[in-house]
Protein backbone atom coordinates (compact mmCIF):
# COMPACT_ATOMS: atom_id res chain seq x y z
CA MET A 1 2.25 4.51 39.65
CA THR A 2 -0.86 5.49 37.80
CA GLN A 3 -2.81 8.61 36.88
CA PRO A 4 -6.35 7.21 36.87
CA PHE A 5 -8.10 10.48 35.97
CA ARG A 6 -6.16 11.40 32.83
CA THR A 7 -8.24 9.11 30.63
CA GLY A 8 -11.57 10.64 31.60
CA SER A 9 -12.39 8.44 34.58
CA THR A 10 -13.87 10.22 37.60
CA SER A 11 -13.49 7.46 40.19
CA PHE A 12 -10.87 5.17 41.67
CA ALA A 13 -11.39 2.45 44.29
CA SER A 14 -8.46 1.06 46.24
CA THR A 15 -7.81 -2.65 45.86
CA ILE A 16 -5.46 -2.63 48.87
CA CYS A 17 -7.08 -0.37 51.49
CA SER A 18 -10.61 -1.60 52.11
CA GLY A 19 -13.27 1.11 51.85
CA VAL A 20 -10.99 3.82 50.43
CA ALA A 21 -12.20 5.49 47.23
CA MET A 22 -11.41 8.61 45.22
CA SER A 23 -13.63 10.77 43.03
CA LEU A 24 -12.92 13.70 40.74
CA ALA A 25 -15.27 16.66 40.27
CA ALA A 26 -14.79 19.87 38.31
CA ASP A 27 -13.15 21.69 41.20
CA ARG A 28 -11.99 19.02 43.65
CA LEU A 29 -10.47 15.60 44.15
CA VAL A 30 -12.02 13.76 47.08
CA ILE A 31 -10.69 10.76 49.01
CA GLU A 32 -13.30 9.06 51.20
CA THR A 33 -13.02 6.25 53.74
CA GLU A 34 -15.82 4.04 55.02
CA LYS A 35 -14.73 4.64 58.61
CA PRO A 36 -12.88 7.65 60.05
CA PHE A 37 -9.09 7.52 59.92
CA CYS A 38 -6.83 8.95 62.59
CA VAL A 39 -5.12 11.85 60.79
CA LEU A 40 -2.09 14.07 61.24
CA SER A 41 -2.04 16.82 58.64
CA SER A 42 -0.99 20.34 57.68
CA ALA A 43 -4.29 20.92 55.85
CA VAL A 44 -5.45 24.52 55.46
CA TYR A 45 -8.83 23.40 56.81
CA GLY A 46 -9.07 20.98 59.73
CA GLY A 47 -5.31 20.51 60.01
CA GLY A 48 -3.54 19.07 63.03
CA TYR A 49 -4.23 15.79 64.83
CA GLY A 50 -7.74 14.36 64.72
CA SER A 51 -9.98 12.13 62.63
CA ALA A 52 -11.58 12.39 59.21
CA ASP A 53 -13.41 10.29 56.66
CA ARG A 54 -13.04 12.75 53.79
CA PHE A 55 -9.95 14.45 52.33
CA VAL A 56 -10.64 17.21 49.81
CA ASN A 57 -8.01 18.57 47.43
CA ARG A 58 -9.66 21.69 46.02
CA GLU A 59 -8.40 23.21 42.77
CA VAL A 60 -8.11 26.99 42.70
CA THR A 61 -6.68 29.46 40.23
CA LEU A 62 -3.24 31.02 40.59
CA ASP A 63 -4.86 34.36 41.43
CA TYR A 64 -6.99 32.84 44.23
CA ASP A 65 -7.67 35.35 47.02
CA CYS A 66 -6.12 33.46 49.91
CA SER A 67 -6.37 35.96 52.77
CA ASP A 68 -8.51 33.55 54.84
CA PRO A 69 -8.49 30.08 53.21
CA ALA A 70 -9.95 28.27 56.25
CA ARG A 71 -13.05 30.46 56.33
CA ASP A 72 -13.46 30.19 52.58
CA TYR A 73 -13.15 26.42 52.85
CA GLU A 74 -15.89 26.25 55.45
CA ARG A 75 -18.18 28.09 53.04
CA MET A 76 -17.34 25.61 50.26
CA LEU A 77 -17.97 22.60 52.51
CA ALA A 78 -21.47 23.90 53.18
CA ARG A 79 -22.03 24.29 49.44
CA TRP A 80 -20.85 20.72 48.77
CA GLY A 81 -22.78 19.26 51.70
CA TYR A 82 -19.67 17.91 53.44
CA SER A 83 -19.39 17.65 57.20
CA PRO A 84 -17.00 20.30 58.57
CA GLU A 85 -16.20 18.04 61.54
CA THR A 86 -14.99 15.03 59.53
CA THR A 87 -13.49 16.69 56.44
CA ILE A 88 -10.02 18.10 56.02
CA GLY A 89 -9.28 20.42 53.11
CA PHE A 90 -6.31 21.24 50.93
CA LEU A 91 -5.81 23.81 48.17
CA THR A 92 -3.85 23.49 44.95
CA ALA A 93 -3.44 25.12 41.56
CA ALA A 94 -2.09 21.86 40.12
CA LYS A 95 -4.06 19.79 37.60
CA LEU A 96 -6.19 17.36 39.58
CA THR A 97 -6.52 15.16 36.50
CA HIS A 98 -2.78 14.54 36.82
CA ALA A 99 -2.96 13.22 40.38
CA SER A 100 -0.67 10.23 40.75
CA VAL A 101 -1.83 7.25 42.80
CA ALA A 102 0.01 4.17 44.05
CA GLU A 103 -0.79 1.44 46.54
CA THR A 104 0.82 -1.62 48.04
CA ALA A 105 0.36 -4.17 50.80
CA GLY A 106 3.05 -4.96 53.35
CA GLU A 107 3.78 -6.38 56.75
CA ALA A 108 0.70 -5.52 58.85
CA PHE A 109 -0.47 -2.68 56.60
CA GLY A 110 -2.04 -1.63 53.36
CA LEU A 111 -0.90 1.68 51.88
CA LEU A 112 -2.29 4.20 49.40
CA CYS A 113 -0.45 7.37 48.35
CA CYS A 114 -1.74 10.20 46.19
CA ALA A 115 0.20 13.25 45.04
CA THR A 116 -0.72 16.38 43.10
CA ALA A 117 2.07 18.69 42.05
CA GLY A 118 2.64 22.19 40.81
CA THR A 119 6.17 23.48 41.16
CA GLY A 120 5.81 27.08 40.04
CA ASN A 121 6.92 28.28 43.48
CA ALA A 122 9.64 25.69 44.05
CA ALA A 123 11.97 26.52 46.90
CA ARG A 124 15.01 25.22 48.72
CA ALA A 125 14.57 25.03 52.48
CA GLY A 126 17.51 26.49 54.41
CA ARG A 127 18.07 29.47 52.13
CA ALA A 128 16.75 32.88 53.13
CA ARG A 129 13.82 34.25 51.17
CA GLU A 130 11.03 36.77 51.47
CA THR A 131 8.29 35.35 53.68
CA PHE A 132 4.57 35.98 53.61
CA PRO A 133 1.63 35.19 55.90
CA ALA A 134 -0.89 34.15 53.28
CA TYR A 135 -1.36 30.91 51.37
CA ALA A 136 0.01 30.59 47.83
CA PRO A 137 -1.78 28.16 45.48
CA GLY A 138 1.19 26.45 43.77
CA THR A 139 1.99 23.38 45.86
CA ILE A 140 2.65 19.67 46.25
CA ASN A 141 -0.10 17.95 48.23
CA LEU A 142 0.52 14.46 49.61
CA PHE A 143 -2.04 12.00 50.97
CA VAL A 144 -0.63 8.91 52.70
CA LEU A 145 -3.32 6.52 53.94
CA VAL A 146 -2.31 3.48 55.98
CA ASP A 147 -4.75 0.64 56.54
CA GLY A 148 -3.10 -0.34 59.79
CA SER A 149 -2.43 0.78 63.34
CA MET A 150 0.14 3.53 64.08
CA THR A 151 1.22 5.44 67.15
CA ALA A 152 1.19 9.23 67.02
CA SER A 153 4.99 9.26 66.95
CA ALA A 154 4.99 6.84 64.01
CA MET A 155 2.72 9.23 62.14
CA VAL A 156 5.20 12.06 62.74
CA ASN A 157 7.95 9.71 61.58
CA ALA A 158 5.93 9.09 58.40
CA VAL A 159 5.82 12.84 57.72
CA ILE A 160 9.63 12.91 57.85
CA THR A 161 9.98 9.89 55.58
CA ALA A 162 7.47 11.22 53.05
CA THR A 163 9.14 14.64 52.99
CA GLU A 164 12.56 13.12 52.35
CA ALA A 165 11.14 11.04 49.50
CA LYS A 166 9.40 14.09 48.01
CA SER A 167 12.62 16.10 48.07
CA ALA A 168 14.52 13.21 46.43
CA ALA A 169 11.94 13.05 43.65
CA LEU A 170 12.21 16.79 43.03
CA HIS A 171 15.98 16.54 42.86
CA ASP A 172 15.81 13.68 40.36
CA CYS A 173 13.28 15.64 38.28
CA GLY A 174 15.70 18.58 38.12
CA ILE A 175 13.36 21.04 39.87
CA MET A 176 15.29 24.16 40.88
CA ASP A 177 14.75 27.03 43.27
CA PRO A 178 14.82 29.96 40.80
CA LYS A 179 15.78 32.47 43.48
CA HIS A 180 18.97 30.67 44.47
CA GLY A 181 19.71 28.49 41.46
CA LEU A 182 19.88 25.38 43.64
CA PRO A 183 17.88 22.12 43.67
CA ALA A 184 14.48 22.64 45.29
CA THR A 185 13.43 20.64 48.34
CA GLY A 186 9.73 21.43 47.90
CA THR A 187 7.48 24.38 47.21
CA THR A 188 6.73 27.20 49.65
CA THR A 189 3.30 25.77 50.51
CA ASP A 190 3.54 21.97 50.44
CA ALA A 191 0.99 20.08 52.52
CA ILE A 192 0.60 16.50 53.73
CA ALA A 193 -1.90 14.21 55.41
CA ILE A 194 -0.95 10.97 57.13
CA GLY A 195 -4.01 8.84 57.88
CA ALA A 196 -4.25 5.50 59.71
CA SER A 197 -7.32 3.30 59.90
CA GLN A 198 -6.11 2.03 63.31
CA THR A 199 -7.50 -1.42 62.50
CA VAL A 200 -6.62 -4.15 64.99
CA ARG A 201 -6.97 -7.02 62.55
CA HIS A 202 -3.21 -7.11 61.85
CA GLY A 203 -2.49 -7.66 65.53
CA ARG A 204 0.27 -5.06 65.51
CA THR A 205 0.74 -1.33 66.01
CA HIS A 206 3.52 0.38 64.07
CA GLN A 207 5.79 2.27 66.46
CA TYR A 208 8.03 3.75 63.75
CA ALA A 209 7.82 4.70 60.08
CA GLY A 210 11.40 5.56 59.19
CA ALA A 211 13.13 4.26 56.07
CA ALA A 212 14.52 1.24 57.95
CA THR A 213 11.01 -0.10 58.68
CA ALA A 214 8.81 -2.01 56.25
CA LEU A 215 6.11 0.66 56.53
CA GLY A 216 8.53 3.56 56.15
CA ASP A 217 10.23 1.94 53.17
CA ALA A 218 6.86 1.51 51.46
CA ILE A 219 5.86 5.11 52.20
CA ALA A 220 9.16 6.37 50.81
CA ARG A 221 8.86 4.33 47.61
CA LEU A 222 5.26 5.28 46.90
CA VAL A 223 5.69 8.95 47.75
CA TYR A 224 8.80 9.14 45.58
CA GLY A 225 7.00 7.47 42.68
CA THR A 226 3.81 9.54 42.87
CA VAL A 227 5.63 12.85 43.28
CA GLU A 228 7.99 12.03 40.42
CA GLU A 229 5.10 11.16 38.12
CA ALA A 230 2.98 14.17 39.09
CA VAL A 231 5.92 16.57 38.69
CA ARG A 232 7.16 15.04 35.45
CA THR A 233 3.73 15.25 33.80
CA GLN A 234 2.50 18.57 35.23
CA GLY A 235 3.02 20.37 31.92
CA GLU A 236 1.32 17.73 29.79
CA ALA A 237 -2.23 17.86 28.51
């Protein structure tokens, strides 16, 4: 795992996933791909199933007015000059400089994972709590980019695998749900993007991404490692 932006660098280019690069600005961390990726995401802007060549993790303050984050995001995209059709947007109050990045190559895929983490609103799924309709800024955002071909069901499978790995990392970091005094499984507003380049050069399409597959095992390892690093260092300078 690595935190490439903690030393003052503002850029990171993948050595595994061709054409994937990251850049850090004052208010956002941007992942860009040379060609659009097929994406399944829970992004506050542009979420769902579609395609994108830009993933924006926007930093906001803890008192961010989040009554309509999608509309606010559209306004920011216009300010930045980003295409609203090919950009998906996330929000976080975590330190973008502490984003953790990892990548690896495997059987018919290249893989890059990036995690940002703030656990101020850590929660344990399955326990009752007060609910709310609006977005809350404290969150864990996960970006899982696969330079390979995946079916839609494999992408859903990858969401499951990544979520399990995230929860395991939180448990091992000792993150607790303060309301119930039990280990947290996430925060109340975690978000994820699974992207696949859908390249045919590997000659194979991944049908599954569970922990028993080579792709799922790699996703689990890299998500665990990046979440653990981002969570463990969130309070550091």
